[in-house]
Amino acid sequence: MKKILMTLLSLIMVVAMVASCTPSTPPEQPTDAPSTQAPVETEPGGEEPTEPVVEPTEPAGKVYNVVNLVNGTLGDRSFFDSAEAGLAELAAAGRITYRTIEMGGDDEDQPKWLSTLYEVSESGDYDLIICGTYQMPDYLNEVAAEYPDQKYLIYDSAGDGDNIVNINYKQNDMGYLVGVFAAAMTLETDLDNINDESVVGFVGGVDSPVINDFLYGFLLGAQYSNADIKVDTRYVNSYVDPARAKELALSMINDNNCDIIWGVSGNSGNGAAEAALETGKAWFIGVDSDQELTLSKELAAITLTSGLKNIGNSIVWFFDELDAGREHYGEDILLGIPEGGVGIVTDKNFDKYATDEIKALVEEVMEGIVNGTIEVPTAIGDTSGAAERLRDSLQP
């Protein structure tokens, strides 16, 4: 039987209340250190690649062999790249060797997700098989039942098996912080690109429980700081379609006077940033990673902040736990602000453009969530329809 575990992470907090934010960094593709950077494949099959060989000067424990299955593509500069960053960090430290397989994120790619899971499980080559997102549990449950001795980790979702560890994040808490900030900033009409209307936007990947958990927190946080706020919510129905996200964001900006848009849709969200830049009438907020560090100079300049889901940090934490003799297979791990699982970027453009009053408000809300005086409900598992009703009521 699964048990809910709230485990304090001994990681650097990305949400320092007073000082600054230390966001997770995006993965780099080094050209001078092939021994620590794993090969990335576009699809399985064909000639078996040579696994990277890591030879630490003083081995300090088991070196795990890991495969990372991406049901999408790297380069989203947020969700999958955050996971890849954690694995790259572990490889650079000589703690793992790993291989990443990009399986594609379109509907026609889904049969490949299942066949790849079977392939890597059947090989017996890996100490741990990693995957993520709400789209993978059915495939993972099927395969994990067939290979009970194989170990699996799924992030941002949950499988069902004693050989699976589930790591999830309180994206509703993160959404609340972002909502408080965005709705307060849209009142700062002296700032370039901020108009007189209290309208912000949310571009979601898919109308799903996890995305709506971001959204529910965002809506409630926006109401907390701005009672008159309207939130234009739209879904791309894909995490790999920035052109469609750009089209939606252009309509938000030009038709409904949105001046701040949060892109919560993986690679698609970058299209919303492009729309904000192209019109010269809006700002963008990133997600999962600190997107000011990963977007082009021009797009970074109009990115006010990013909500952080520290997937890479949580994967590093998991290997810390393994090395300490704590495996957590068969358990659900839930990480929030106190554990460093989620947060918000508070340096760079946030520090530059937010007023002292808005900075203090965001800090106050973070403290409230940590000490329990602010409780943010979740859309996950909620059958009351509260999130959907609030979403519809706040449409401009």
Protein backbone atom coordinates (compact mmCIF):
# COMPACT_ATOMS: atom_id res chain seq x y z
CA MET A 1 0.00 0.00 0.00
CA LYS A 2 1.26 3.41 -0.90
CA LYS A 3 1.85 5.92 1.83
CA ILE A 4 2.06 9.64 1.46
CA LEU A 5 5.46 10.92 2.41
CA MET A 6 6.36 14.53 3.02
CA THR A 7 10.14 14.51 3.13
CA LEU A 8 12.17 17.63 3.80
CA LEU A 9 14.68 18.14 1.03
CA SER A 10 18.18 19.06 2.04
CA LEU A 11 18.60 21.06 -1.12
CA ILE A 12 19.27 24.75 -1.59
CA MET A 13 15.91 26.49 -1.32
CA VAL A 14 14.92 28.25 -4.52
CA VAL A 15 12.54 30.42 -2.65
CA ALA A 16 14.68 32.23 -0.06
CA MET A 17 12.17 34.47 1.60
CA VAL A 18 14.40 37.43 2.23
CA ALA A 19 17.58 37.07 0.26
CA SER A 20 17.20 35.79 -3.29
CA CYS A 21 16.14 32.92 -5.49
CA THR A 22 18.53 30.21 -6.60
CA PRO A 23 16.67 28.59 -9.51
CA SER A 24 17.43 25.27 -11.05
CA THR A 25 19.65 25.70 -14.07
CA PRO A 26 18.91 24.35 -17.53
CA PRO A 27 21.00 21.53 -18.91
CA GLU A 28 24.00 22.44 -20.97
CA GLN A 29 25.29 20.29 -23.78
CA PRO A 30 29.04 20.29 -23.10
CA THR A 31 31.40 19.71 -25.95
CA ASP A 32 34.50 19.03 -23.90
CA ALA A 33 33.30 16.47 -21.38
CA PRO A 34 31.88 13.43 -23.17
CA SER A 35 32.49 11.23 -20.16
CA THR A 36 29.81 12.97 -18.09
CA GLN A 37 27.14 13.89 -20.64
CA ALA A 38 24.93 11.08 -21.82
CA PRO A 39 24.00 10.59 -25.46
CA VAL A 40 20.50 11.72 -26.37
CA GLU A 41 18.59 9.60 -28.86
CA THR A 42 15.63 10.57 -30.98
CA GLU A 43 14.24 7.05 -30.86
CA PRO A 44 15.21 3.59 -29.62
CA GLY A 45 16.37 0.75 -31.81
CA GLY A 46 19.17 0.40 -34.29
CA GLU A 47 22.78 0.19 -33.18
CA GLU A 48 23.11 0.22 -29.41
CA PRO A 49 24.85 3.44 -28.31
CA THR A 50 27.93 3.38 -26.17
CA GLU A 51 27.01 4.32 -22.62
CA PRO A 52 29.04 7.19 -21.16
CA VAL A 53 31.83 6.03 -18.89
CA VAL A 54 32.29 7.99 -15.70
CA GLU A 55 35.45 7.42 -13.69
CA PRO A 56 35.40 9.56 -10.56
CA THR A 57 38.73 10.05 -8.89
CA GLU A 58 37.50 8.57 -5.64
CA PRO A 59 34.34 6.47 -6.11
CA ALA A 60 32.05 7.15 -3.16
CA GLY A 61 29.37 4.50 -3.66
CA LYS A 62 27.48 2.76 -6.39
CA VAL A 63 27.40 4.36 -9.83
CA TYR A 64 23.85 3.80 -11.10
CA ASN A 65 23.01 3.21 -14.74
CA VAL A 66 19.87 5.15 -15.64
CA VAL A 67 17.67 5.65 -18.69
CA ASN A 68 15.50 8.75 -19.00
CA LEU A 69 12.44 8.39 -21.24
CA VAL A 70 11.08 11.69 -22.53
CA ASN A 71 7.54 11.51 -23.92
CA GLY A 72 8.22 14.73 -25.78
CA THR A 73 11.45 16.44 -26.73
CA LEU A 74 14.24 18.22 -24.95
CA GLY A 75 14.58 21.91 -25.64
CA ASP A 76 11.28 22.85 -24.00
CA ARG A 77 13.42 25.02 -21.69
CA SER A 78 11.19 24.09 -18.80
CA PHE A 79 9.77 20.71 -17.76
CA PHE A 80 11.82 18.02 -19.50
CA ASP A 81 14.93 20.17 -19.50
CA SER A 82 14.68 20.50 -15.72
CA ALA A 83 14.77 16.72 -15.34
CA GLU A 84 17.67 16.50 -17.78
CA ALA A 85 19.57 19.12 -15.77
CA GLY A 86 19.34 17.00 -12.63
CA LEU A 87 20.61 13.93 -14.46
CA ALA A 88 23.45 15.91 -16.04
CA GLU A 89 24.45 17.13 -12.58
CA LEU A 90 24.51 13.58 -11.24
CA ALA A 91 26.56 12.37 -14.21
CA ALA A 92 29.04 15.22 -13.85
CA ALA A 93 29.50 14.21 -10.21
CA GLY A 94 30.25 10.63 -11.25
CA ARG A 95 27.19 9.27 -9.47
CA ILE A 96 25.34 7.90 -12.52
CA THR A 97 25.72 7.05 -16.15
CA TYR A 98 22.60 7.74 -18.15
CA ARG A 99 20.98 7.67 -21.52
CA THR A 100 18.08 9.90 -22.58
CA ILE A 101 15.61 8.74 -25.23
CA GLU A 102 13.35 11.38 -26.77
CA MET A 103 10.19 9.57 -27.85
CA GLY A 104 8.17 12.48 -29.28
CA GLY A 105 5.13 14.16 -27.78
CA ASP A 106 2.42 13.81 -30.42
CA ASP A 107 -0.50 11.37 -30.35
CA GLU A 108 1.07 9.25 -33.06
CA ASP A 109 4.16 8.81 -30.87
CA GLN A 110 2.29 7.13 -28.02
CA PRO A 111 2.78 3.53 -29.24
CA LYS A 112 6.52 4.26 -29.11
CA TRP A 113 6.22 5.21 -25.45
CA LEU A 114 4.95 1.75 -24.55
CA SER A 115 7.33 -0.16 -26.82
CA THR A 116 10.29 1.79 -25.50
CA LEU A 117 9.33 1.07 -21.90
CA TYR A 118 9.18 -2.62 -22.75
CA GLU A 119 12.48 -2.47 -24.62
CA VAL A 120 14.52 -0.84 -21.85
CA SER A 121 12.89 -3.00 -19.17
CA GLU A 122 13.55 -6.20 -21.09
CA SER A 123 17.21 -5.25 -21.56
CA GLY A 124 17.94 -5.44 -17.83
CA ASP A 125 20.66 -2.83 -18.34
CA TYR A 126 19.34 -0.15 -16.02
CA ASP A 127 19.23 0.28 -12.27
CA LEU A 128 16.48 2.86 -12.72
CA ILE A 129 14.09 3.80 -15.53
CA ILE A 130 12.77 7.38 -15.30
CA CYS A 131 9.74 8.89 -17.01
CA GLY A 132 7.27 11.68 -16.29
CA THR A 133 3.91 13.34 -16.93
CA TYR A 134 0.29 12.34 -16.53
CA GLN A 135 0.35 10.56 -19.90
CA MET A 136 2.70 7.78 -18.77
CA PRO A 137 1.14 5.93 -15.77
CA ASP A 138 -1.02 3.48 -17.76
CA TYR A 139 1.98 2.44 -19.85
CA LEU A 140 4.24 2.32 -16.80
CA ASN A 141 1.81 0.24 -14.74
CA GLU A 142 1.54 -2.33 -17.52
CA VAL A 143 5.28 -2.69 -17.97
CA ALA A 144 6.25 -2.47 -14.28
CA ALA A 145 3.89 -5.36 -13.50
CA GLU A 146 5.69 -7.47 -16.11
CA TYR A 147 9.14 -6.63 -14.68
CA PRO A 148 8.74 -6.62 -10.87
CA ASP A 149 12.50 -6.63 -10.28
CA GLN A 150 13.06 -3.50 -12.39
CA LYS A 151 12.98 -0.16 -10.55
CA TYR A 152 11.13 2.88 -11.93
CA LEU A 153 10.73 6.56 -11.04
CA ILE A 154 7.90 8.67 -12.41
CA TYR A 155 7.80 12.40 -11.75
CA ASP A 156 4.81 14.71 -11.93
CA SER A 157 2.45 11.75 -11.93
CA ALA A 158 1.92 8.43 -10.17
CA GLY A 159 2.18 4.78 -11.07
CA ASP A 160 0.95 1.79 -9.10
CA GLY A 161 3.52 -0.74 -7.97
CA ASP A 162 6.01 -1.59 -5.27
CA ASN A 163 8.83 -1.10 -7.79
CA ILE A 164 7.75 2.48 -8.66
CA VAL A 165 8.52 5.69 -6.77
CA ASN A 166 6.21 8.62 -7.50
CA ILE A 167 7.51 12.17 -7.10
CA ASN A 168 4.99 14.98 -7.31
CA TYR A 169 5.00 18.70 -6.64
CA LYS A 170 2.63 21.26 -5.17
CA GLN A 171 2.16 23.20 -8.39
CA ASN A 172 -0.99 24.72 -6.85
CA ASP A 173 1.24 26.50 -4.31
CA MET A 174 3.55 27.67 -7.08
CA GLY A 175 0.56 28.84 -9.11
CA TYR A 176 -0.70 30.83 -6.15
CA LEU A 177 2.60 32.73 -5.90
CA VAL A 178 2.61 33.45 -9.62
CA GLY A 179 -1.03 34.55 -9.54
CA VAL A 180 -0.42 36.95 -6.66
CA PHE A 181 2.51 38.45 -8.53
CA ALA A 182 0.87 38.68 -11.98
CA ALA A 183 -2.38 40.22 -10.76
CA ALA A 184 -0.49 42.79 -8.70
CA MET A 185 1.83 43.67 -11.58
CA THR A 186 -1.05 44.25 -14.00
CA LEU A 187 -2.02 47.24 -11.84
CA GLU A 188 1.39 48.89 -12.38
CA THR A 189 0.32 50.98 -15.37
CA ASP A 190 3.46 53.10 -15.23
CA LEU A 191 5.41 50.05 -16.42
CA ASP A 192 5.83 49.60 -20.17
CA ASN A 193 3.38 47.13 -21.76
CA ILE A 194 0.94 47.31 -18.81
CA ASN A 195 -2.47 48.65 -19.82
CA ASP A 196 -5.42 49.90 -17.79
CA GLU A 197 -7.31 46.58 -17.89
CA SER A 198 -6.91 44.03 -15.08
CA VAL A 199 -6.57 41.04 -17.40
CA VAL A 200 -3.86 38.38 -17.31
CA GLY A 201 -3.59 35.17 -19.31
CA PHE A 202 -2.91 31.47 -18.78
CA VAL A 203 -1.82 29.27 -21.69
CA GLY A 204 -2.09 25.66 -20.54
CA GLY A 205 -0.78 22.60 -22.34
CA VAL A 206 -3.78 20.30 -21.92
CA ASP A 207 -7.02 20.58 -19.94
CA SER A 208 -5.84 18.01 -17.37
CA PRO A 209 -5.67 17.67 -13.56
CA VAL A 210 -2.01 18.68 -13.26
CA ILE A 211 -2.29 21.73 -15.54
CA ASN A 212 -5.50 22.75 -13.80
CA ASP A 213 -3.69 22.46 -10.46
CA PHE A 214 -1.29 25.18 -11.66
CA LEU A 215 -4.33 27.12 -12.88
CA TYR A 216 -6.40 26.76 -9.70
CA GLY A 217 -3.59 28.19 -7.59
CA PHE A 218 -3.01 30.93 -10.17
CA LEU A 219 -6.66 31.99 -10.15
CA LEU A 220 -6.89 32.05 -6.37
CA GLY A 221 -3.61 33.91 -5.99
CA ALA A 222 -4.67 36.46 -8.59
CA GLN A 223 -7.88 37.12 -6.66
CA TYR A 224 -5.88 37.50 -3.44
CA SER A 225 -3.93 40.48 -4.78
CA ASN A 226 -6.48 41.96 -7.20
CA ALA A 227 -10.21 41.59 -6.56
CA ASP A 228 -11.05 42.90 -10.04
CA ILE A 229 -8.81 40.50 -11.95
CA LYS A 230 -9.90 38.62 -15.06
CA VAL A 231 -7.95 35.61 -16.31
CA ASP A 232 -8.10 34.57 -19.95
CA THR A 233 -7.50 30.79 -19.82
CA ARG A 234 -6.85 28.77 -22.97
CA TYR A 235 -5.34 25.35 -23.73
CA VAL A 236 -3.01 24.44 -26.57
CA ASN A 237 -3.88 20.72 -26.40
CA SER A 238 -0.21 19.98 -26.98
CA TYR A 239 3.12 20.50 -25.27
CA VAL A 240 5.02 20.70 -28.55
CA ASP A 241 3.05 23.28 -30.56
CA PRO A 242 4.45 26.77 -29.93
CA ALA A 243 2.77 28.06 -33.10
CA ARG A 244 -0.65 27.30 -31.67
CA ALA A 245 0.28 28.82 -28.29
CA LYS A 246 1.43 31.96 -30.07
CA GLU A 247 -1.88 32.17 -31.92
CA LEU A 248 -3.82 31.87 -28.64
CA ALA A 249 -1.64 34.45 -26.91
CA LEU A 250 -1.96 36.93 -29.77
CA SER A 251 -5.74 36.72 -29.41
CA MET A 252 -5.49 37.21 -25.64
CA ILE A 253 -3.35 40.31 -26.10
CA ASN A 254 -5.12 41.90 -29.05
CA ASP A 255 -8.72 40.95 -28.23
CA ASN A 256 -8.82 40.96 -24.42
CA ASN A 257 -5.96 43.31 -23.44
CA CYS A 258 -3.96 40.68 -21.56
CA ASP A 259 -0.68 42.27 -20.56
CA ILE A 260 0.89 39.37 -18.62
CA ILE A 261 0.66 35.73 -19.80
CA TRP A 262 1.80 32.63 -17.95
CA GLY A 263 2.80 29.82 -20.28
CA VAL A 264 2.27 26.42 -18.63
CA SER A 265 2.61 24.16 -21.64
CA GLY A 266 6.19 22.94 -22.01
CA ASN A 267 7.72 23.83 -25.35
CA SER A 268 4.39 25.24 -26.52
CA GLY A 269 4.60 27.98 -23.92
CA ASN A 270 7.51 29.58 -25.71
CA GLY A 271 5.03 30.59 -28.42
CA ALA A 272 3.21 32.74 -25.86
CA ALA A 273 6.49 34.50 -25.10
CA GLU A 274 6.96 35.15 -28.81
CA ALA A 275 3.48 36.69 -29.00
CA ALA A 276 4.23 39.03 -26.10
CA LEU A 277 7.46 40.13 -27.76
CA GLU A 278 5.98 40.50 -31.23
CA THR A 279 3.10 42.71 -30.12
CA GLY A 280 5.20 44.82 -27.76
CA LYS A 281 2.13 44.95 -25.52
CA ALA A 282 2.62 42.21 -22.95
CA TRP A 283 4.95 40.38 -20.60
CA PHE A 284 5.59 36.65 -20.22
CA ILE A 285 6.02 34.41 -17.17
CA GLY A 286 7.91 31.15 -17.51
CA VAL A 287 7.41 27.79 -15.84
CA ASP A 288 9.32 24.85 -14.34
CA SER A 289 12.81 26.29 -14.97
CA ASP A 290 14.13 29.85 -14.76
CA GLN A 291 13.30 30.73 -18.35
CA GLU A 292 15.15 34.03 -18.25
CA LEU A 293 18.29 31.88 -18.32
CA THR A 294 17.21 29.74 -21.26
CA LEU A 295 15.23 31.95 -23.65
CA SER A 296 16.81 34.24 -26.23
CA LYS A 297 18.01 37.63 -25.03
CA GLU A 298 14.94 39.32 -26.52
CA LEU A 299 12.44 36.86 -24.98
CA ALA A 300 14.23 36.87 -21.64
CA ALA A 301 13.89 40.65 -21.55
CA ILE A 302 10.08 40.42 -21.47
CA THR A 303 9.97 37.48 -18.99
CA LEU A 304 9.05 38.90 -15.60
CA THR A 305 9.68 35.74 -13.58
CA SER A 306 9.18 31.97 -13.70
CA GLY A 307 7.32 29.55 -11.50
CA LEU A 308 9.77 26.82 -10.54
CA LYS A 309 9.05 23.10 -10.45
CA ASN A 310 12.41 21.73 -9.46
CA ILE A 311 12.25 18.33 -11.11
CA GLY A 312 15.99 18.13 -11.56
CA ASN A 313 16.59 18.89 -7.88
CA SER A 314 14.05 16.24 -6.86
CA ILE A 315 15.84 13.61 -8.94
CA VAL A 316 19.15 14.54 -7.29
CA TRP A 317 17.38 14.25 -3.93
CA PHE A 318 16.16 10.77 -4.83
CA PHE A 319 19.71 9.57 -5.47
CA ASP A 320 20.81 11.20 -2.22
CA GLU A 321 18.15 9.11 -0.53
CA LEU A 322 19.29 5.94 -2.33
CA ASP A 323 22.86 6.49 -1.22
CA ALA A 324 21.58 6.94 2.34
CA GLY A 325 19.78 3.60 2.16
CA ARG A 326 16.26 4.99 1.75
CA GLU A 327 14.66 3.72 -1.46
CA HIS A 328 11.03 4.96 -1.31
CA TYR A 329 9.76 2.47 -3.91
CA GLY A 330 6.01 2.05 -3.60
CA GLU A 331 5.68 5.52 -2.08
CA ASP A 332 4.25 8.88 -3.13
CA ILE A 333 6.59 11.82 -2.51
CA LEU A 334 4.99 15.29 -2.45
CA LEU A 335 7.26 18.32 -2.49
CA GLY A 336 6.21 21.92 -1.89
CA ILE A 337 7.74 25.28 -1.03
CA PRO A 338 9.27 24.27 2.33
CA GLU A 339 11.02 21.30 0.73
CA GLY A 340 12.32 23.30 -2.23
CA GLY A 341 10.10 21.40 -4.66
CA VAL A 342 8.45 24.52 -6.07
CA GLY A 343 9.00 28.27 -5.90
CA ILE A 344 9.27 31.45 -7.91
CA VAL A 345 12.23 33.37 -9.34
CA THR A 346 12.82 36.53 -7.32
CA ASP A 347 15.95 37.97 -8.90
CA LYS A 348 16.68 39.50 -12.34
CA ASN A 349 13.50 40.95 -13.92
CA PHE A 350 11.38 40.28 -10.83
CA ASP A 351 13.79 42.31 -8.74
CA LYS A 352 14.09 44.98 -11.44
CA TYR A 353 10.42 45.59 -12.19
CA ALA A 354 8.42 44.61 -9.09
CA THR A 355 7.77 47.39 -6.62
CA ASP A 356 8.85 47.00 -3.02
CA GLU A 357 5.19 46.54 -2.11
CA ILE A 358 4.77 43.66 -4.57
CA LYS A 359 7.99 42.01 -3.41
CA ALA A 360 6.78 42.23 0.18
CA LEU A 361 3.40 40.80 -0.82
CA VAL A 362 4.96 37.78 -2.55
CA GLU A 363 7.22 37.19 0.45
CA GLU A 364 4.25 37.45 2.79
CA VAL A 365 2.32 34.89 0.76
CA MET A 366 5.30 32.50 0.66
CA GLU A 367 5.57 32.72 4.42
CA GLY A 368 1.83 32.16 4.76
CA ILE A 369 1.95 28.99 2.68
CA VAL A 370 4.95 27.69 4.61
CA ASN A 371 3.47 28.34 8.06
CA GLY A 372 0.00 27.15 7.08
CA THR A 373 -1.93 30.38 7.40
CA ILE A 374 -2.58 30.21 3.65
CA GLU A 375 -3.87 26.87 2.41
CA VAL A 376 -4.12 26.49 -1.36
CA PRO A 377 -6.62 23.84 -2.50
CA THR A 378 -5.67 21.41 -5.23
CA ALA A 379 -7.50 20.52 -8.42
CA ILE A 380 -6.06 17.00 -8.34
CA GLY A 381 -8.62 14.52 -7.10
CA ASP A 382 -11.24 17.24 -6.67
CA THR A 383 -14.58 16.12 -8.11
CA SER A 384 -16.50 19.21 -7.01
CA GLY A 385 -15.66 21.18 -10.13
CA ALA A 386 -14.54 24.19 -8.07
CA ALA A 387 -11.48 24.89 -10.22
CA GLU A 388 -13.47 24.77 -13.45
CA ARG A 389 -16.20 27.04 -12.07
CA LEU A 390 -13.65 29.60 -10.93
CA ARG A 391 -11.86 29.42 -14.28
CA ASP A 392 -15.09 30.08 -16.16
CA SER A 393 -16.18 32.88 -13.82
CA LEU A 394 -12.92 34.82 -14.34
CA GLN A 395 -12.90 34.70 -18.14
CA PRO A 396 -12.88 38.26 -19.58
